[in-house]
Amino acid sequence: LCARRTDKLDALKAELEQAHPGITVLVKPLDVNHYD
């Protein structure tokens, strides 16, 4: 999962890992207008 707002990504990661402990959830900051 990627997006500009890392605080919301981190909260979503914690929520998903708690609800579904068998999966892997990776998060990274990304502004899609920074093409590289």
Full PDB file with SEQRES, HELIX, SHEET, SSBOND, CRYST1, ORIGX, SCALE, CONECT and MASTER records, all heavy atoms in Angstrom:
SEQRES   1 A   36  LEU CYS ALA ARG ARG THR ASP LYS LEU ASP ALA LEU LYS          
SEQRES   2 A   36  ALA GLU LEU GLU GLN ALA HIS PRO GLY ILE THR VAL LEU          
SEQRES   3 A   36  VAL LYS PRO LEU ASP VAL ASN HIS TYR ASP                      
HELIX    1 AA1 THR A    6  ALA A   19  1                                  14    
SHEET    1 AA1 2 CYS A   2  ALA A   3  0                                        
SHEET    2 AA1 2 LYS A  28  PRO A  29  1                                        
CRYST1    1.000    1.000    1.000  90.00  90.00  90.00 P 1           1          
ORIGX1      1.000000  0.000000  0.000000        0.00000                         
ORIGX2      0.000000  1.000000  0.000000        0.00000                         
ORIGX3      0.000000  0.000000  1.000000        0.00000                         
SCALE1      1.000000  0.000000  0.000000        0.00000                         
SCALE2      0.000000  1.000000  0.000000        0.00000                         
SCALE3      0.000000  0.000000  1.000000        0.00000                         
ATOM      1  N   LEU A   1       0.835  -1.199   0.000  1.00  0.00           N  
ATOM      2  CA  LEU A   1       0.000   0.000   0.000  1.00  0.00           C  
ATOM      3  C   LEU A   1       0.866   1.243   0.000  1.00  0.00           C  
ATOM      4  O   LEU A   1       1.820   1.350   0.781  1.00  0.00           O  
ATOM      5  CB  LEU A   1      -0.910   0.007   1.238  1.00  0.00           C  
ATOM      6  CG  LEU A   1      -1.741  -1.261   1.463  1.00  0.00           C  
ATOM      7  CD1 LEU A   1      -2.531  -1.150   2.762  1.00  0.00           C  
ATOM      8  CD2 LEU A   1      -2.677  -1.523   0.282  1.00  0.00           C  
ATOM      9  N   CYS A   2       0.519   2.191  -0.866  1.00  0.00           N  
ATOM     10  CA  CYS A   2       1.307   3.428  -0.918  1.00  0.00           C  
ATOM     11  C   CYS A   2       0.389   4.625  -1.109  1.00  0.00           C  
ATOM     12  O   CYS A   2      -0.671   4.535  -1.724  1.00  0.00           O  
ATOM     13  CB  CYS A   2       2.373   3.360  -2.013  1.00  0.00           C  
ATOM     14  SG  CYS A   2       1.805   2.718  -3.600  1.00  0.00           S  
ATOM     15  N   ALA A   3       0.835   5.748  -0.554  1.00  0.00           N  
ATOM     16  CA  ALA A   3       0.105   7.009  -0.644  1.00  0.00           C  
ATOM     17  C   ALA A   3       0.989   8.089  -0.039  1.00  0.00           C  
ATOM     18  O   ALA A   3       2.066   7.803   0.496  1.00  0.00           O  
ATOM     19  CB  ALA A   3      -1.226   6.928   0.097  1.00  0.00           C  
ATOM     20  N   ARG A   4       0.541   9.335  -0.117  1.00  0.00           N  
ATOM     21  CA  ARG A   4       1.334  10.427   0.453  1.00  0.00           C  
ATOM     22  C   ARG A   4       1.248  10.473   1.973  1.00  0.00           C  
ATOM     23  O   ARG A   4       2.214  10.801   2.645  1.00  0.00           O  
ATOM     24  CB  ARG A   4       0.857  11.775  -0.116  1.00  0.00           C  
ATOM     25  CG  ARG A   4       1.209  11.984  -1.584  1.00  0.00           C  
ATOM     26  CD  ARG A   4       0.646  13.305  -2.087  1.00  0.00           C  
ATOM     27  NE  ARG A   4      -0.818  13.342  -1.967  1.00  0.00           N  
ATOM     28  CZ  ARG A   4      -1.556  14.430  -2.106  1.00  0.00           C  
ATOM     29  NH1 ARG A   4      -0.969  15.597  -2.345  1.00  0.00           N  
ATOM     30  NH2 ARG A   4      -2.877  14.368  -2.007  1.00  0.00           N  
ATOM     31  N   ARG A   5       0.089  10.141   2.527  1.00  0.00           N  
ATOM     32  CA  ARG A   5      -0.135  10.331   3.963  1.00  0.00           C  
ATOM     33  C   ARG A   5       0.266   9.075   4.739  1.00  0.00           C  
ATOM     34  O   ARG A   5      -0.505   8.135   4.874  1.00  0.00           O  
ATOM     35  CB  ARG A   5      -1.601  10.699   4.209  1.00  0.00           C  
ATOM     36  CG  ARG A   5      -1.950  12.062   3.647  1.00  0.00           C  
ATOM     37  CD  ARG A   5      -3.423  12.378   3.774  1.00  0.00           C  
ATOM     38  NE  ARG A   5      -4.244  11.516   2.937  1.00  0.00           N  
ATOM     39  CZ  ARG A   5      -5.557  11.654   2.802  1.00  0.00           C  
ATOM     40  NH1 ARG A   5      -6.186  12.615   3.452  1.00  0.00           N  
ATOM     41  NH2 ARG A   5      -6.240  10.837   2.015  1.00  0.00           N  
ATOM     42  N   THR A   6       1.475   9.096   5.249  1.00  0.00           N  
ATOM     43  CA  THR A   6       2.018   7.904   5.906  1.00  0.00           C  
ATOM     44  C   THR A   6       1.326   7.613   7.230  1.00  0.00           C  
ATOM     45  O   THR A   6       1.258   6.453   7.642  1.00  0.00           O  
ATOM     46  CB  THR A   6       3.533   8.054   6.132  1.00  0.00           C  
ATOM     47  OG1 THR A   6       3.783   9.291   6.822  1.00  0.00           O  
ATOM     48  CG2 THR A   6       4.277   8.078   4.817  1.00  0.00           C  
ATOM     49  N   ASP A   7       0.813   8.645   7.909  1.00  0.00           N  
ATOM     50  CA  ASP A   7       0.133   8.394   9.184  1.00  0.00           C  
ATOM     51  C   ASP A   7      -1.102   7.522   8.957  1.00  0.00           C  
ATOM     52  O   ASP A   7      -1.368   6.578   9.710  1.00  0.00           O  
ATOM     53  CB  ASP A   7      -0.240   9.706   9.878  1.00  0.00           C  
ATOM     54  CG  ASP A   7      -1.076  10.628   8.996  1.00  0.00           C  
ATOM     55  OD1 ASP A   7      -0.977  10.532   7.757  1.00  0.00           O  
ATOM     56  OD2 ASP A   7      -1.831  11.456   9.550  1.00  0.00           O  
ATOM     57  N   LYS A   8      -1.851   7.818   7.906  1.00  0.00           N  
ATOM     58  CA  LYS A   8      -3.042   7.020   7.600  1.00  0.00           C  
ATOM     59  C   LYS A   8      -2.654   5.624   7.114  1.00  0.00           C  
ATOM     60  O   LYS A   8      -3.333   4.636   7.417  1.00  0.00           O  
ATOM     61  CB  LYS A   8      -3.901   7.734   6.560  1.00  0.00           C  
ATOM     62  CG  LYS A   8      -4.533   9.013   7.078  1.00  0.00           C  
ATOM     63  CD  LYS A   8      -5.738   9.410   6.254  1.00  0.00           C  
ATOM     64  CE  LYS A   8      -6.512  10.527   6.941  1.00  0.00           C  
ATOM     65  NZ  LYS A   8      -7.840  10.745   6.353  1.00  0.00           N  
ATOM     66  N   LEU A   9      -1.569   5.537   6.338  1.00  0.00           N  
ATOM     67  CA  LEU A   9      -1.097   4.221   5.885  1.00  0.00           C  
ATOM     68  C   LEU A   9      -0.691   3.355   7.068  1.00  0.00           C  
ATOM     69  O   LEU A   9      -1.034   2.168   7.132  1.00  0.00           O  
ATOM     70  CB  LEU A   9       0.098   4.382   4.946  1.00  0.00           C  
ATOM     71  CG  LEU A   9      -0.162   4.696   3.475  1.00  0.00           C  
ATOM     72  CD1 LEU A   9       1.167   4.821   2.743  1.00  0.00           C  
ATOM     73  CD2 LEU A   9      -1.037   3.637   2.815  1.00  0.00           C  
ATOM     74  N   ASP A  10       0.040   3.940   8.013  1.00  0.00           N  
ATOM     75  CA  ASP A  10       0.488   3.188   9.187  1.00  0.00           C  
ATOM     76  C   ASP A  10      -0.698   2.704  10.012  1.00  0.00           C  
ATOM     77  O   ASP A  10      -0.706   1.576  10.517  1.00  0.00           O  
ATOM     78  CB  ASP A  10       1.415   4.048  10.049  1.00  0.00           C  
ATOM     79  CG  ASP A  10       2.759   4.313   9.383  1.00  0.00           C  
ATOM     80  OD1 ASP A  10       3.145   3.523   8.500  1.00  0.00           O  
ATOM     81  OD2 ASP A  10       3.418   5.310   9.746  1.00  0.00           O  
ATOM     82  N   ALA A  11      -1.722   3.566  10.149  1.00  0.00           N  
ATOM     83  CA  ALA A  11      -2.920   3.174  10.900  1.00  0.00           C  
ATOM     84  C   ALA A  11      -3.656   2.041  10.194  1.00  0.00           C  
ATOM     85  O   ALA A  11      -4.135   1.092  10.838  1.00  0.00           O  
ATOM     86  CB  ALA A  11      -3.835   4.382  11.082  1.00  0.00           C  
ATOM     87  N   LEU A  12      -3.731   2.115   8.864  1.00  0.00           N  
ATOM     88  CA  LEU A  12      -4.394   1.068   8.093  1.00  0.00           C  
ATOM     89  C   LEU A  12      -3.631  -0.252   8.197  1.00  0.00           C  
ATOM     90  O   LEU A  12      -4.231  -1.319   8.363  1.00  0.00           O  
ATOM     91  CB  LEU A  12      -4.525   1.497   6.627  1.00  0.00           C  
ATOM     92  CG  LEU A  12      -5.212   0.520   5.677  1.00  0.00           C  
ATOM     93  CD1 LEU A  12      -6.642   0.206   6.130  1.00  0.00           C  
ATOM     94  CD2 LEU A  12      -5.216   1.070   4.251  1.00  0.00           C  
ATOM     95  N   LYS A  13      -2.308  -0.179   8.117  1.00  0.00           N  
ATOM     96  CA  LYS A  13      -1.467  -1.381   8.254  1.00  0.00           C  
ATOM     97  C   LYS A  13      -1.724  -2.063   9.604  1.00  0.00           C  
ATOM     98  O   LYS A  13      -1.930  -3.281   9.668  1.00  0.00           O  
ATOM     99  CB  LYS A  13       0.008  -0.993   8.122  1.00  0.00           C  
ATOM    100  CG  LYS A  13       1.001  -2.122   8.430  1.00  0.00           C  
ATOM    101  CD  LYS A  13       2.434  -1.601   8.318  1.00  0.00           C  
ATOM    102  CE  LYS A  13       3.454  -2.574   8.898  1.00  0.00           C  
ATOM    103  NZ  LYS A  13       3.621  -3.784   8.074  1.00  0.00           N  
ATOM    104  N   ALA A  14      -1.736  -1.266  10.683  1.00  0.00           N  
ATOM    105  CA  ALA A  14      -1.962  -1.824  12.020  1.00  0.00           C  
ATOM    106  C   ALA A  14      -3.348  -2.462  12.116  1.00  0.00           C  
ATOM    107  O   ALA A  14      -3.508  -3.552  12.682  1.00  0.00           O  
ATOM    108  CB  ALA A  14      -1.808  -0.721  13.072  1.00  0.00           C  
ATOM    109  N   GLU A  15      -4.336  -1.791  11.551  1.00  0.00           N  
ATOM    110  CA  GLU A  15      -5.712  -2.314  11.561  1.00  0.00           C  
ATOM    111  C   GLU A  15      -5.800  -3.654  10.827  1.00  0.00           C  
ATOM    112  O   GLU A  15      -6.389  -4.619  11.330  1.00  0.00           O  
ATOM    113  CB  GLU A  15      -6.641  -1.297  10.894  1.00  0.00           C  
ATOM    114  CG  GLU A  15      -8.059  -1.784  10.680  1.00  0.00           C  
ATOM    115  CD  GLU A  15      -8.828  -0.959   9.656  1.00  0.00           C  
ATOM    116  OE1 GLU A  15      -8.580   0.262   9.550  1.00  0.00           O  
ATOM    117  OE2 GLU A  15      -9.683  -1.531   8.948  1.00  0.00           O  
ATOM    118  N   LEU A  16      -5.196  -3.721   9.643  1.00  0.00           N  
ATOM    119  CA  LEU A  16      -5.296  -4.927   8.823  1.00  0.00           C  
ATOM    120  C   LEU A  16      -4.517  -6.089   9.431  1.00  0.00           C  
ATOM    121  O   LEU A  16      -4.973  -7.238   9.403  1.00  0.00           O  
ATOM    122  CB  LEU A  16      -4.806  -4.640   7.404  1.00  0.00           C  
ATOM    123  CG  LEU A  16      -5.621  -3.614   6.609  1.00  0.00           C  
ATOM    124  CD1 LEU A  16      -5.017  -3.403   5.230  1.00  0.00           C  
ATOM    125  CD2 LEU A  16      -7.080  -4.033   6.507  1.00  0.00           C  
ATOM    126  N   GLU A  17      -3.343  -5.804   9.986  1.00  0.00           N  
ATOM    127  CA  GLU A  17      -2.539  -6.881  10.581  1.00  0.00           C  
ATOM    128  C   GLU A  17      -3.203  -7.438  11.842  1.00  0.00           C  
ATOM    129  O   GLU A  17      -3.092  -8.632  12.127  1.00  0.00           O  
ATOM    130  CB  GLU A  17      -1.139  -6.362  10.891  1.00  0.00           C  
ATOM    131  CG  GLU A  17      -0.300  -6.152   9.643  1.00  0.00           C  
ATOM    132  CD  GLU A  17       1.078  -5.599   9.939  1.00  0.00           C  
ATOM    133  OE1 GLU A  17       1.258  -4.943  11.001  1.00  0.00           O  
ATOM    134  OE2 GLU A  17       1.981  -5.808   9.109  1.00  0.00           O  
ATOM    135  N   GLN A  18      -3.891  -6.579  12.586  1.00  0.00           N  
ATOM    136  CA  GLN A  18      -4.595  -7.056  13.779  1.00  0.00           C  
ATOM    137  C   GLN A  18      -5.794  -7.920  13.394  1.00  0.00           C  
ATOM    138  O   GLN A  18      -6.050  -8.964  13.995  1.00  0.00           O  
ATOM    139  CB  GLN A  18      -5.058  -5.876  14.630  1.00  0.00           C  
ATOM    140  CG  GLN A  18      -5.747  -6.303  15.929  1.00  0.00           C  
ATOM    141  CD  GLN A  18      -6.078  -5.124  16.824  1.00  0.00           C  
ATOM    142  OE1 GLN A  18      -5.950  -3.974  16.435  1.00  0.00           O  
ATOM    143  NE2 GLN A  18      -6.520  -5.410  18.041  1.00  0.00           N  
ATOM    144  N   ALA A  19      -6.512  -7.481  12.359  1.00  0.00           N  
ATOM    145  CA  ALA A  19      -7.707  -8.220  11.933  1.00  0.00           C  
ATOM    146  C   ALA A  19      -7.368  -9.498  11.173  1.00  0.00           C  
ATOM    147  O   ALA A  19      -8.121 -10.477  11.227  1.00  0.00           O  
ATOM    148  CB  ALA A  19      -8.585  -7.318  11.071  1.00  0.00           C  
ATOM    149  N   HIS A  20      -6.229  -9.491  10.467  1.00  0.00           N  
ATOM    150  CA  HIS A  20      -5.858 -10.621   9.611  1.00  0.00           C  
ATOM    151  C   HIS A  20      -4.374 -10.947   9.816  1.00  0.00           C  
ATOM    152  O   HIS A  20      -3.531 -10.644   8.960  1.00  0.00           O  
ATOM    153  CB  HIS A  20      -6.133 -10.277   8.147  1.00  0.00           C  
ATOM    154  CG  HIS A  20      -7.499  -9.714   7.910  1.00  0.00           C  
ATOM    155  ND1 HIS A  20      -8.646 -10.481   7.907  1.00  0.00           N  
ATOM    156  CD2 HIS A  20      -7.906  -8.433   7.685  1.00  0.00           C  
ATOM    157  CE1 HIS A  20      -9.698  -9.714   7.691  1.00  0.00           C  
ATOM    158  NE2 HIS A  20      -9.279  -8.475   7.553  1.00  0.00           N  
ATOM    159  N   PRO A  21      -4.025 -11.568  10.937  1.00  0.00           N  
ATOM    160  CA  PRO A  21      -2.614 -11.777  11.283  1.00  0.00           C  
ATOM    161  C   PRO A  21      -1.845 -12.673  10.321  1.00  0.00           C  
ATOM    162  O   PRO A  21      -0.615 -12.681  10.337  1.00  0.00           O  
ATOM    163  CB  PRO A  21      -2.679 -12.400  12.683  1.00  0.00           C  
ATOM    164  CG  PRO A  21      -4.068 -12.939  12.819  1.00  0.00           C  
ATOM    165  CD  PRO A  21      -4.935 -12.063  11.990  1.00  0.00           C  
ATOM    166  N   GLY A  22      -2.529 -13.371   9.440  1.00  0.00           N  
ATOM    167  CA  GLY A  22      -1.839 -14.275   8.524  1.00  0.00           C  
ATOM    168  C   GLY A  22      -1.306 -13.624   7.262  1.00  0.00           C  
ATOM    169  O   GLY A  22      -0.606 -14.272   6.477  1.00  0.00           O  
ATOM    170  N   ILE A  23      -1.612 -12.349   7.064  1.00  0.00           N  
ATOM    171  CA  ILE A  23      -1.185 -11.700   5.822  1.00  0.00           C  
ATOM    172  C   ILE A  23      -0.004 -10.756   6.056  1.00  0.00           C  
ATOM    173  O   ILE A  23       0.279 -10.354   7.177  1.00  0.00           O  
ATOM    174  CB  ILE A  23      -2.346 -10.915   5.156  1.00  0.00           C  
ATOM    175  CG1 ILE A  23      -2.748  -9.718   6.018  1.00  0.00           C  
ATOM    176  CG2 ILE A  23      -3.530 -11.828   4.896  1.00  0.00           C  
ATOM    177  CD1 ILE A  23      -3.713  -8.762   5.319  1.00  0.00           C  
ATOM    178  N   THR A  24       0.669 -10.399   4.962  1.00  0.00           N  
ATOM    179  CA  THR A  24       1.740  -9.399   5.001  1.00  0.00           C  
ATOM    180  C   THR A  24       1.192  -8.084   4.463  1.00  0.00           C  
ATOM    181  O   THR A  24       0.563  -8.055   3.400  1.00  0.00           O  
ATOM    182  CB  THR A  24       2.930  -9.844   4.130  1.00  0.00           C  
ATOM    183  OG1 THR A  24       3.450 -11.072   4.647  1.00  0.00           O  
ATOM    184  CG2 THR A  24       4.034  -8.791   4.124  1.00  0.00           C  
ATOM    185  N   VAL A  25       1.427  -7.003   5.201  1.00  0.00           N  
ATOM    186  CA  VAL A  25       1.021  -5.671   4.749  1.00  0.00           C  
ATOM    187  C   VAL A  25       2.250  -4.767   4.760  1.00  0.00           C  
ATOM    188  O   VAL A  25       2.830  -4.500   5.815  1.00  0.00           O  
ATOM    189  CB  VAL A  25      -0.081  -5.064   5.640  1.00  0.00           C  
ATOM    190  CG1 VAL A  25      -0.496  -3.690   5.100  1.00  0.00           C  
ATOM    191  CG2 VAL A  25      -1.284  -5.989   5.729  1.00  0.00           C  
ATOM    192  N   LEU A  26       2.662  -4.325   3.580  1.00  0.00           N  
ATOM    193  CA  LEU A  26       3.779  -3.400   3.451  1.00  0.00           C  
ATOM    194  C   LEU A  26       3.248  -2.029   3.079  1.00  0.00           C  
ATOM    195  O   LEU A  26       2.307  -1.913   2.290  1.00  0.00           O  
ATOM    196  CB  LEU A  26       4.754  -3.870   2.367  1.00  0.00           C  
ATOM    197  CG  LEU A  26       5.341  -5.276   2.516  1.00  0.00           C  
ATOM    198  CD1 LEU A  26       6.248  -5.584   1.318  1.00  0.00           C  
ATOM    199  CD2 LEU A  26       6.116  -5.417   3.815  1.00  0.00           C  
ATOM    200  N   VAL A  27       3.833  -0.983   3.649  1.00  0.00           N  
ATOM    201  CA  VAL A  27       3.416   0.385   3.304  1.00  0.00           C  
ATOM    202  C   VAL A  27       4.647   1.225   2.986  1.00  0.00           C  
ATOM    203  O   VAL A  27       5.712   1.046   3.576  1.00  0.00           O  
ATOM    204  CB  VAL A  27       2.596   1.045   4.430  1.00  0.00           C  
ATOM    205  CG1 VAL A  27       1.300   0.303   4.681  1.00  0.00           C  
ATOM    206  CG2 VAL A  27       3.400   1.159   5.713  1.00  0.00           C  
ATOM    207  N   LYS A  28       4.469   2.134   2.028  1.00  0.00           N  
ATOM    208  CA  LYS A  28       5.544   3.068   1.662  1.00  0.00           C  
ATOM    209  C   LYS A  28       4.929   4.408   1.256  1.00  0.00           C  
ATOM    210  O   LYS A  28       3.868   4.437   0.625  1.00  0.00           O  
ATOM    211  CB  LYS A  28       6.371   2.528   0.495  1.00  0.00           C  
ATOM    212  CG  LYS A  28       7.169   1.273   0.813  1.00  0.00           C  
ATOM    213  CD  LYS A  28       8.071   0.878  -0.340  1.00  0.00           C  
ATOM    214  CE  LYS A  28       8.697  -0.478  -0.073  1.00  0.00           C  
ATOM    215  NZ  LYS A  28       9.565  -0.471   1.135  1.00  0.00           N  
ATOM    216  N   PRO A  29       5.605   5.498   1.607  1.00  0.00           N  
ATOM    217  CA  PRO A  29       5.122   6.799   1.136  1.00  0.00           C  
ATOM    218  C   PRO A  29       5.348   6.944  -0.363  1.00  0.00           C  
ATOM    219  O   PRO A  29       6.376   6.520  -0.887  1.00  0.00           O  
ATOM    220  CB  PRO A  29       5.963   7.806   1.924  1.00  0.00           C  
ATOM    221  CG  PRO A  29       7.223   7.067   2.275  1.00  0.00           C  
ATOM    222  CD  PRO A  29       6.825   5.631   2.430  1.00  0.00           C  
ATOM    223  N   LEU A  30       4.354   7.525  -1.052  1.00  0.00           N  
ATOM    224  CA  LEU A  30       4.500   7.751  -2.487  1.00  0.00           C  
ATOM    225  C   LEU A  30       3.631   8.918  -2.926  1.00  0.00           C  
ATOM    226  O   LEU A  30       2.414   8.903  -2.719  1.00  0.00           O  
ATOM    227  CB  LEU A  30       4.100   6.496  -3.279  1.00  0.00           C  
ATOM    228  CG  LEU A  30       4.096   6.659  -4.809  1.00  0.00           C  
ATOM    229  CD1 LEU A  30       5.486   6.986  -5.335  1.00  0.00           C  
ATOM    230  CD2 LEU A  30       3.526   5.423  -5.499  1.00  0.00           C  
ATOM    231  N   ASP A  31       4.266   9.904  -3.536  1.00  0.00           N  
ATOM    232  CA  ASP A  31       3.551  10.944  -4.280  1.00  0.00           C  
ATOM    233  C   ASP A  31       3.692  10.563  -5.742  1.00  0.00           C  
ATOM    234  O   ASP A  31       4.791  10.613  -6.300  1.00  0.00           O  
ATOM    235  CB  ASP A  31       4.178  12.321  -4.008  1.00  0.00           C  
ATOM    236  CG  ASP A  31       3.454  13.448  -4.720  1.00  0.00           C  
ATOM    237  OD1 ASP A  31       2.734  13.178  -5.707  1.00  0.00           O  
ATOM    238  OD2 ASP A  31       3.621  14.616  -4.321  1.00  0.00           O  
ATOM    239  N   VAL A  32       2.590  10.166  -6.363  1.00  0.00           N  
ATOM    240  CA  VAL A  32       2.668   9.627  -7.721  1.00  0.00           C  
ATOM    241  C   VAL A  32       3.144  10.662  -8.741  1.00  0.00           C  
ATOM    242  O   VAL A  32       3.532  10.299  -9.855  1.00  0.00           O  
ATOM    243  CB  VAL A  32       1.316   9.031  -8.178  1.00  0.00           C  
ATOM    244  CG1 VAL A  32       0.985   7.780  -7.364  1.00  0.00           C  
ATOM    245  CG2 VAL A  32       0.193  10.053  -8.112  1.00  0.00           C  
ATOM    246  N   ASN A  33       3.131  11.942  -8.363  1.00  0.00           N  
ATOM    247  CA  ASN A  33       3.654  12.964  -9.266  1.00  0.00           C  
ATOM    248  C   ASN A  33       5.177  13.045  -9.237  1.00  0.00           C  
ATOM    249  O   ASN A  33       5.764  13.783 -10.031  1.00  0.00           O  
ATOM    250  CB  ASN A  33       3.036  14.329  -8.939  1.00  0.00           C  
ATOM    251  CG  ASN A  33       1.587  14.410  -9.397  1.00  0.00           C  
ATOM    252  OD1 ASN A  33       1.286  14.169 -10.567  1.00  0.00           O  
ATOM    253  ND2 ASN A  33       0.689  14.718  -8.480  1.00  0.00           N  
ATOM    254  N   HIS A  34       5.806  12.318  -8.339  1.00  0.00           N  
ATOM    255  CA  HIS A  34       7.265  12.166  -8.354  1.00  0.00           C  
ATOM    256  C   HIS A  34       7.540  10.860  -9.113  1.00  0.00           C  
ATOM    257  O   HIS A  34       7.596   9.781  -8.532  1.00  0.00           O  
ATOM    258  CB  HIS A  34       7.816  12.112  -6.929  1.00  0.00           C  
ATOM    259  CG  HIS A  34       7.626  13.396  -6.176  1.00  0.00           C  
ATOM    260  ND1 HIS A  34       7.739  13.492  -4.815  1.00  0.00           N  
ATOM    261  CD2 HIS A  34       7.324  14.648  -6.607  1.00  0.00           C  
ATOM    262  CE1 HIS A  34       7.514  14.734  -4.417  1.00  0.00           C  
ATOM    263  NE2 HIS A  34       7.258  15.446  -5.505  1.00  0.00           N  
ATOM    264  N   TYR A  35       7.689  10.989 -10.418  1.00  0.00           N  
ATOM    265  CA  TYR A  35       7.643   9.814 -11.288  1.00  0.00           C  
ATOM    266  C   TYR A  35       8.752   8.803 -11.005  1.00  0.00           C  
ATOM    267  O   TYR A  35       8.507   7.595 -11.023  1.00  0.00           O  
ATOM    268  CB  TYR A  35       7.666  10.257 -12.754  1.00  0.00           C  
ATOM    269  CG  TYR A  35       6.623  11.311 -13.063  1.00  0.00           C  
ATOM    270  CD1 TYR A  35       6.962  12.481 -13.762  1.00  0.00           C  
ATOM    271  CD2 TYR A  35       5.300  11.166 -12.648  1.00  0.00           C  
ATOM    272  CE1 TYR A  35       6.017  13.446 -14.028  1.00  0.00           C  
ATOM    273  CE2 TYR A  35       4.348  12.132 -12.905  1.00  0.00           C  
ATOM    274  CZ  TYR A  35       4.712  13.271 -13.599  1.00  0.00           C  
ATOM    275  OH  TYR A  35       3.774  14.236 -13.857  1.00  0.00           O  
ATOM    276  N   ASP A  36       9.968   9.273 -10.726  1.00  0.00           N  
ATOM    277  CA  ASP A  36      11.046   8.336 -10.412  1.00  0.00           C  
ATOM    278  C   ASP A  36      10.721   7.532  -9.160  1.00  0.00           C  
ATOM    279  O   ASP A  36      11.072   6.348  -9.062  1.00  0.00           O  
ATOM    280  CB  ASP A  36      12.368   9.090 -10.206  1.00  0.00           C  
ATOM    281  CG  ASP A  36      12.916   9.658 -11.501  1.00  0.00           C  
ATOM    282  OD1 ASP A  36      12.449   9.227 -12.588  1.00  0.00           O  
ATOM    283  OD2 ASP A  36      13.802  10.530 -11.455  1.00  0.00           O  
TER     284      ASP A  36                                                      
MASTER        0    0    0    1    2    0    0    6  283    1    0    3          
END                                                                             
